[in-house]
Amino acid sequence: MTAINPCVECGACCATFRVSFYWAEADDAPGGTVPAALTGRLHAHLRVMQGTDRPEPRCCALQGEIGGNVSCAIYPRRSSTCRDFKVAWEGGEPNEACNRARARHGLPPAGTSDRAHPGLHSRGLRRPAARAPAP
């Protein structure tokens, strides 16, 4: 059975945060991969994904419905900002930004529901056991 990436049933980060990155990551620079046509200039050294630099952000590359079935139209060419963003509890590490994004869209924290993320546990993404409160 192939594990399901929990991100394909979420997309909240793509509709919560500004996605800015070094200008040379765009494909109009040598070696860049992010489609420049989908970016805007933030300042001299940074670009931003269109749609993420406004009060109600939504990346122009995000396809689908938040919390439903989503995908990134440029996934293999996405920026380092997107590559570096981890789902909460991936590798056993929390990511409060992931959970804040999920909460903004009415979704439970990542890793709290097998129904919400059927592949989560098969990928080894388990929420660590709760620690007993300090005495």
Protein backbone atom coordinates (compact mmCIF):
# COMPACT_ATOMS: atom_id res chain seq x y z
CA MET A 1 0.00 0.00 0.00
CA THR A 2 1.35 3.41 -0.92
CA ALA A 3 1.32 5.94 1.91
CA ILE A 4 -0.70 9.09 1.37
CA ASN A 5 1.16 12.33 1.97
CA PRO A 6 -0.94 14.25 4.53
CA CYS A 7 -0.33 17.46 2.57
CA VAL A 8 -2.53 16.28 -0.33
CA GLU A 9 -5.52 16.46 1.98
CA CYS A 10 -4.60 19.86 3.43
CA GLY A 11 -3.02 22.74 1.46
CA ALA A 12 -3.50 25.15 4.37
CA CYS A 13 0.09 26.41 4.32
CA CYS A 14 -0.32 27.42 0.66
CA ALA A 15 -3.29 29.58 1.61
CA THR A 16 -1.92 31.10 4.81
CA PHE A 17 1.67 32.28 4.39
CA ARG A 18 3.58 34.56 2.04
CA VAL A 19 5.90 32.42 -0.08
CA SER A 20 9.01 34.49 -0.66
CA PHE A 21 12.38 33.22 -1.83
CA TYR A 22 15.71 34.31 -3.32
CA TRP A 23 15.20 35.78 -6.79
CA ALA A 24 17.63 33.36 -8.50
CA GLU A 25 15.36 30.39 -7.76
CA ALA A 26 13.10 31.56 -10.60
CA ASP A 27 13.59 30.02 -14.03
CA ASP A 28 14.61 33.31 -15.65
CA ALA A 29 17.89 33.05 -13.71
CA PRO A 30 20.56 30.46 -14.59
CA GLY A 31 19.71 27.21 -12.78
CA GLY A 32 16.41 28.52 -11.41
CA THR A 33 13.35 26.28 -11.49
CA VAL A 34 10.35 28.23 -10.14
CA PRO A 35 8.28 29.56 -13.07
CA ALA A 36 9.05 33.30 -13.10
CA ALA A 37 5.66 34.00 -14.67
CA LEU A 38 4.04 32.87 -11.39
CA THR A 39 6.13 35.19 -9.23
CA GLY A 40 6.30 38.85 -8.38
CA ARG A 41 9.12 41.03 -7.11
CA LEU A 42 9.10 41.56 -3.36
CA HIS A 43 12.32 43.60 -3.35
CA ALA A 44 15.74 43.51 -5.02
CA HIS A 45 16.68 40.08 -3.69
CA LEU A 46 13.36 38.33 -3.10
CA ARG A 47 10.49 37.12 -5.22
CA VAL A 48 7.07 36.07 -4.02
CA MET A 49 4.61 33.53 -5.38
CA GLN A 50 1.63 35.34 -6.88
CA GLY A 51 -1.36 35.31 -4.58
CA THR A 52 0.62 34.94 -1.35
CA ASP A 53 1.43 38.62 -0.82
CA ARG A 54 -2.05 39.77 0.21
CA PRO A 55 -4.17 39.70 3.38
CA GLU A 56 -6.01 36.51 2.31
CA PRO A 57 -3.16 34.60 0.67
CA ARG A 58 -3.56 31.68 -1.69
CA CYS A 59 -0.68 30.55 -3.87
CA CYS A 60 -1.47 30.68 -7.57
CA ALA A 61 0.03 27.18 -7.95
CA LEU A 62 -2.34 25.60 -5.41
CA GLN A 63 -5.02 23.49 -7.04
CA GLY A 64 -8.06 22.10 -5.25
CA GLU A 65 -9.94 22.83 -2.05
CA ILE A 66 -8.21 23.42 1.29
CA GLY A 67 -8.77 20.39 3.52
CA GLY A 68 -9.92 18.33 0.56
CA ASN A 69 -7.93 17.09 -2.38
CA VAL A 70 -5.13 19.55 -3.22
CA SER A 71 -1.98 19.61 -5.29
CA CYS A 72 0.74 21.98 -6.37
CA ALA A 73 0.83 22.75 -10.09
CA ILE A 74 4.61 23.26 -9.91
CA TYR A 75 5.51 20.70 -7.23
CA PRO A 76 8.79 19.50 -8.82
CA ARG A 77 9.74 23.15 -9.47
CA ARG A 78 8.57 24.68 -6.17
CA SER A 79 10.77 27.09 -4.20
CA SER A 80 13.07 26.26 -1.32
CA THR A 81 10.54 27.91 1.00
CA CYS A 82 8.00 25.25 0.06
CA ARG A 83 10.54 22.43 0.04
CA ASP A 84 11.68 23.33 3.54
CA PHE A 85 8.18 23.55 5.04
CA LYS A 86 7.42 20.31 6.87
CA VAL A 87 4.10 18.87 7.96
CA ALA A 88 3.80 18.80 11.75
CA TRP A 89 5.32 15.66 13.28
CA GLU A 90 7.17 14.66 10.12
CA GLY A 91 10.30 13.01 11.41
CA GLY A 92 8.87 13.28 14.92
CA GLU A 93 9.23 17.06 14.98
CA PRO A 94 6.42 19.54 15.66
CA ASN A 95 5.72 22.39 13.26
CA GLU A 96 3.56 25.03 14.91
CA ALA A 97 3.34 26.98 11.64
CA CYS A 98 1.70 23.95 10.00
CA ASN A 99 -0.82 23.66 12.81
CA ARG A 100 -1.51 27.44 12.79
CA ALA A 101 -2.23 27.26 9.07
CA ARG A 102 -4.51 24.27 9.57
CA ALA A 103 -6.38 26.01 12.40
CA ARG A 104 -6.91 29.10 10.23
CA HIS A 105 -8.80 26.89 7.79
CA GLY A 106 -10.74 24.96 10.43
CA LEU A 107 -8.61 21.81 10.24
CA PRO A 108 -7.40 19.85 13.28
CA PRO A 109 -3.68 19.77 14.11
CA ALA A 110 -1.69 17.46 11.84
CA GLY A 111 -1.38 13.91 13.07
CA THR A 112 -4.42 14.01 15.34
CA SER A 113 -6.81 12.01 13.18
CA ASP A 114 -6.27 8.83 11.20
CA ARG A 115 -9.42 9.66 9.24
CA ALA A 116 -8.02 13.03 8.23
CA HIS A 117 -4.68 11.49 7.27
CA PRO A 118 -5.04 7.78 6.48
CA GLY A 119 -1.41 7.47 5.38
CA LEU A 120 0.10 9.33 8.29
CA HIS A 121 0.90 6.35 10.49
CA SER A 122 2.03 4.17 7.60
CA ARG A 123 4.65 6.85 6.82
CA GLY A 124 5.98 6.73 10.35
CA LEU A 125 4.58 10.17 11.12
CA ARG A 126 3.37 9.66 14.64
CA ARG A 127 2.71 12.26 17.23
CA PRO A 128 5.01 11.55 20.17
CA ALA A 129 3.37 10.22 23.31
CA ALA A 130 2.25 12.95 25.65
CA ARG A 131 4.62 13.61 28.49
CA ALA A 132 3.42 13.61 32.04
CA PRO A 133 3.20 17.12 33.50
CA ALA A 134 6.19 18.20 35.53
CA PRO A 135 5.66 17.84 39.31
